Amino acid sequence: MPIRKKTNKNPPVMSHEFIIQNHADIVSCVAMVFLLGLMFEVSW
């Protein structure tokens, strides 16, 4: 499968291209949820 140079701006959410383009956003959201969970765990 040849690599396409032009990709659409909003690929489908669960596609490989979406993860490649937005992996930093996904990782930061997961890290924030994890830290919030730790903070609530400590406060109980």
N, C-alpha and C. Protein backbone atom coordinates (compact mmCIF):
# COMPACT_ATOMS: atom_id res chain seq x y z
N MET A 1 0.84 -1.19 0.00
CA MET A 1 0.00 0.00 0.00
C MET A 1 0.88 1.24 0.00
N PRO A 2 0.80 2.06 -1.02
CA PRO A 2 1.65 3.26 -1.07
C PRO A 2 1.22 4.28 -0.02
N ILE A 3 2.18 5.04 0.45
CA ILE A 3 1.89 6.08 1.44
C ILE A 3 1.28 7.28 0.73
N ARG A 4 0.12 7.70 1.18
CA ARG A 4 -0.52 8.86 0.56
C ARG A 4 0.09 10.13 1.12
N LYS A 5 0.44 11.06 0.23
CA LYS A 5 1.01 12.32 0.71
C LYS A 5 -0.07 13.24 1.25
N LYS A 6 -1.25 13.21 0.63
CA LYS A 6 -2.34 14.08 1.09
C LYS A 6 -3.30 13.26 1.93
N THR A 7 -3.40 13.59 3.20
CA THR A 7 -4.38 12.91 4.05
C THR A 7 -5.48 13.90 4.39
N ASN A 8 -6.66 13.38 4.62
CA ASN A 8 -7.75 14.27 4.98
C ASN A 8 -7.50 14.86 6.37
N LYS A 9 -8.06 16.04 6.61
CA LYS A 9 -7.74 16.76 7.84
C LYS A 9 -8.33 16.09 9.07
N ASN A 10 -9.49 15.45 8.94
CA ASN A 10 -10.12 14.78 10.06
C ASN A 10 -10.34 13.31 9.73
N PRO A 11 -9.33 12.48 9.92
CA PRO A 11 -9.49 11.05 9.65
C PRO A 11 -10.45 10.42 10.66
N PRO A 12 -10.98 9.24 10.36
CA PRO A 12 -11.87 8.56 11.31
C PRO A 12 -11.20 8.36 12.67
N VAL A 13 -12.02 8.38 13.73
CA VAL A 13 -11.47 8.49 15.09
C VAL A 13 -10.58 7.30 15.43
N MET A 14 -10.97 6.08 15.07
CA MET A 14 -10.17 4.93 15.48
C MET A 14 -9.20 4.45 14.40
N SER A 15 -8.85 5.32 13.44
CA SER A 15 -7.93 4.91 12.39
C SER A 15 -6.49 5.13 12.82
N HIS A 16 -5.58 4.50 12.09
CA HIS A 16 -4.16 4.61 12.42
C HIS A 16 -3.67 6.04 12.22
N GLU A 17 -4.15 6.72 11.18
CA GLU A 17 -3.70 8.09 10.91
C GLU A 17 -4.11 9.03 12.03
N PHE A 18 -5.30 8.83 12.58
CA PHE A 18 -5.75 9.68 13.69
C PHE A 18 -4.81 9.53 14.88
N ILE A 19 -4.42 8.28 15.18
CA ILE A 19 -3.53 8.05 16.33
C ILE A 19 -2.16 8.66 16.06
N ILE A 20 -1.67 8.55 14.83
CA ILE A 20 -0.37 9.13 14.50
C ILE A 20 -0.41 10.65 14.66
N GLN A 21 -1.50 11.28 14.19
CA GLN A 21 -1.57 12.74 14.24
C GLN A 21 -1.80 13.25 15.65
N ASN A 22 -2.51 12.50 16.48
CA ASN A 22 -2.95 13.02 17.77
C ASN A 22 -2.41 12.22 18.95
N HIS A 23 -1.28 11.50 18.78
CA HIS A 23 -0.83 10.65 19.87
C HIS A 23 -0.42 11.48 21.08
N ALA A 24 0.11 12.69 20.87
CA ALA A 24 0.50 13.52 22.02
C ALA A 24 -0.73 13.95 22.82
N ASP A 25 -1.81 14.31 22.13
CA ASP A 25 -3.04 14.68 22.83
C ASP A 25 -3.61 13.50 23.60
N ILE A 26 -3.57 12.31 22.99
CA ILE A 26 -4.12 11.13 23.66
C ILE A 26 -3.31 10.83 24.91
N VAL A 27 -1.97 10.87 24.79
CA VAL A 27 -1.12 10.56 25.94
C VAL A 27 -1.32 11.59 27.05
N SER A 28 -1.43 12.87 26.70
CA SER A 28 -1.60 13.89 27.74
C SER A 28 -2.95 13.73 28.44
N CYS A 29 -4.00 13.38 27.71
CA CYS A 29 -5.31 13.17 28.35
C CYS A 29 -5.26 11.98 29.30
N VAL A 30 -4.61 10.89 28.87
CA VAL A 30 -4.51 9.72 29.74
C VAL A 30 -3.72 10.07 30.99
N ALA A 31 -2.63 10.83 30.84
CA ALA A 31 -1.81 11.21 32.00
C ALA A 31 -2.61 12.09 32.96
N MET A 32 -3.40 13.02 32.43
CA MET A 32 -4.19 13.90 33.31
C MET A 32 -5.24 13.10 34.08
N VAL A 33 -5.91 12.17 33.41
CA VAL A 33 -6.90 11.35 34.10
C VAL A 33 -6.23 10.51 35.19
N PHE A 34 -5.05 9.98 34.89
CA PHE A 34 -4.31 9.17 35.86
C PHE A 34 -3.93 10.00 37.08
N LEU A 35 -3.43 11.22 36.85
CA LEU A 35 -3.04 12.08 37.97
C LEU A 35 -4.26 12.50 38.79
N LEU A 36 -5.37 12.80 38.13
CA LEU A 36 -6.59 13.14 38.88
C LEU A 36 -7.04 11.96 39.73
N GLY A 37 -6.94 10.76 39.20
CA GLY A 37 -7.29 9.58 39.98
C GLY A 37 -6.40 9.42 41.19
N LEU A 38 -5.11 9.68 41.04
CA LEU A 38 -4.20 9.60 42.18
C LEU A 38 -4.56 10.64 43.23
N MET A 39 -4.88 11.86 42.79
CA MET A 39 -5.20 12.92 43.75
C MET A 39 -6.46 12.58 44.53
N PHE A 40 -7.48 12.05 43.85
CA PHE A 40 -8.71 11.68 44.57
C PHE A 40 -8.46 10.49 45.49
N GLU A 41 -7.59 9.59 45.08
CA GLU A 41 -7.26 8.43 45.93
C GLU A 41 -6.60 8.90 47.22
N VAL A 42 -5.71 9.89 47.12
CA VAL A 42 -5.02 10.40 48.31
C VAL A 42 -5.99 11.15 49.21
N SER A 43 -6.93 11.89 48.62
CA SER A 43 -7.80 12.74 49.42
C SER A 43 -8.86 11.94 50.19
N TRP A 44 -9.15 10.72 49.80
CA TRP A 44 -10.18 9.96 50.52
C TRP A 44 -9.68 9.51 51.87
